[in-house]
Amino acid sequence: MRMVHLAPGAGGGFYCENCVRDAMMLRQLCRLGHDAIALPMYLPAGPEQQDIPKGPLFFGGINVYLQQKLGLFRHTPRWLDAILDSPRLLSRAARQAGVSNVKQLGQTTISMLQGEHGKQVKELERLIEWLILPENRPDVVVLSNALLMGVAGPIRQKLGCAVVSLLQDEDGFIDGLGQPWSGQVWELMRRCAAEVDLFVAVSRYYQKLMAEKLALPTERIQAAYPGLELSDYPAGRKNAGILTLGYLARLCPDNGFDLLVDAVIGLAAEPGLPAVRLIASGGQTAADSAYIDSVKEKIQAAGLQERVEFREDFSLDSRKTFFQTIDLVCVPFRKPAAYGLCVLESMASGVGFIAPAAGVFPEYADCSGAGILVEPNSCPHLMAALRGLICNPAKIHDMGQKGRQAAQQHFDIKINSKQYLNLLEGVMRK
């Protein structure tokens, strides 16, 4: 099978679940002998995607922005566009990710979903020209997320190939745009959905949610866990001693890092409880700097600087070390998560988890027994769950063992990739 995967880059600035998911699946498909290639969009591919086959970058972020703002840039020659797509310039742009205003994000999202009627039509035409070349022509085009659906219709019309869209956490971005943008985006996405042959959601929770959001019958959306290469995650804690919590996600308000810090500070103030450490990793965007500074001020005011460690490196090798130096992973997402890669990686590493009782996490807890669920956005409930485990190392060990077993049974990419391939082949046979 020849598959082209359109995969927006995150620039490597933070722990991007979509980027890791895409890279793991493409890597596995190549191992199985398929011709699978990623086409980066917006920003250069991050470090997780360096070892997978890639084509040229399309819809470079600077060009997309300028074409949205100024009509002149919708007619510039390719040599100028190529300069603006240079990795150095785009990397600089990536460091500013997250600082665009909501109006700009909303307008650009709408324009991208309008496809050949949008302001980035020049970029779309360049993509089609590349895909239609005999040496590039795919059997199926996979969109990393449904916000890319504006290209689906033109690809099907010009190439006649199947188009599949993955689904993961689009709702948080769209609803975060606010009105009128979010309403317009959802309406456009419902229209674009007719041009997609199949949607594949990362969880049953998200399958149901997006069927409602896109007004689609459930059979148009299949649920398939992406899975992990389990050999990448050696189980077993390297260093025993003080109970250590791990946070692995972008350091931002939506992911609840401040809630976890507040819980650690609160527990430290309770007499008689053993000490707790916290290791935090996952990176940030420019928009997160003030927030992180405010959380660090809390930590300093509580006198816990020695108990909270920030790790800037979140590459796979660093994540292996991270999971071998913690006892529990805890990311108290404020909004329901579709995927929760950090929890899958923790289970694969033999580490249990504490997570909100929302989104995908009840699925993970039910199939594993490796997690404790707490009321979302509640520091007291989070503290109560942690308090119940601090003095129960046997329970923590048992959660880790169950997590590893669940990863082997439900989240092995060698098994899950076959399910994914069956879905793609089913679409191609239609």
Foldseek 3Di string as FASTA:
>chain_A
DAEEEEAEALLQQWFDPLLLLVQQLQVVVVVVPYNYEYAYEQADHHPSNPPGHYDYHFPHVVLLLCLLPDVVSLDDDVVVVVVCNDNVNRSVVSLQPPPDDLVSVLSSLLLQLCACPHSNVVRLVVVLVQCPPPVRPGQEYEYSALSNLSSLQVCCVSRVHAYEYEHWDPVVVLVVSPPPRSVSNLVSSLVSLVSHLAYEYQAPLVLVVVCVSSVHDSVRYHYFHSFDALVLAAAAADDDDAAEEEEEAEPAVQQPPLLVLVLLLVVVPDPPFTHYAYEYEIGYHPVCVVVVVVSVVVCVVSVNPVRYHYDHDDPSVVVNNVLNHHLEYEGQGQDAGQHPVVQLSNLSRLFAYEYAPHHCVVVLCVQFVLYHHFHHPDSVRVNVVVRVPRPPSVSSNVSSVSSNVSSVVGRHNVVRSVVVVVVSVVSSVD
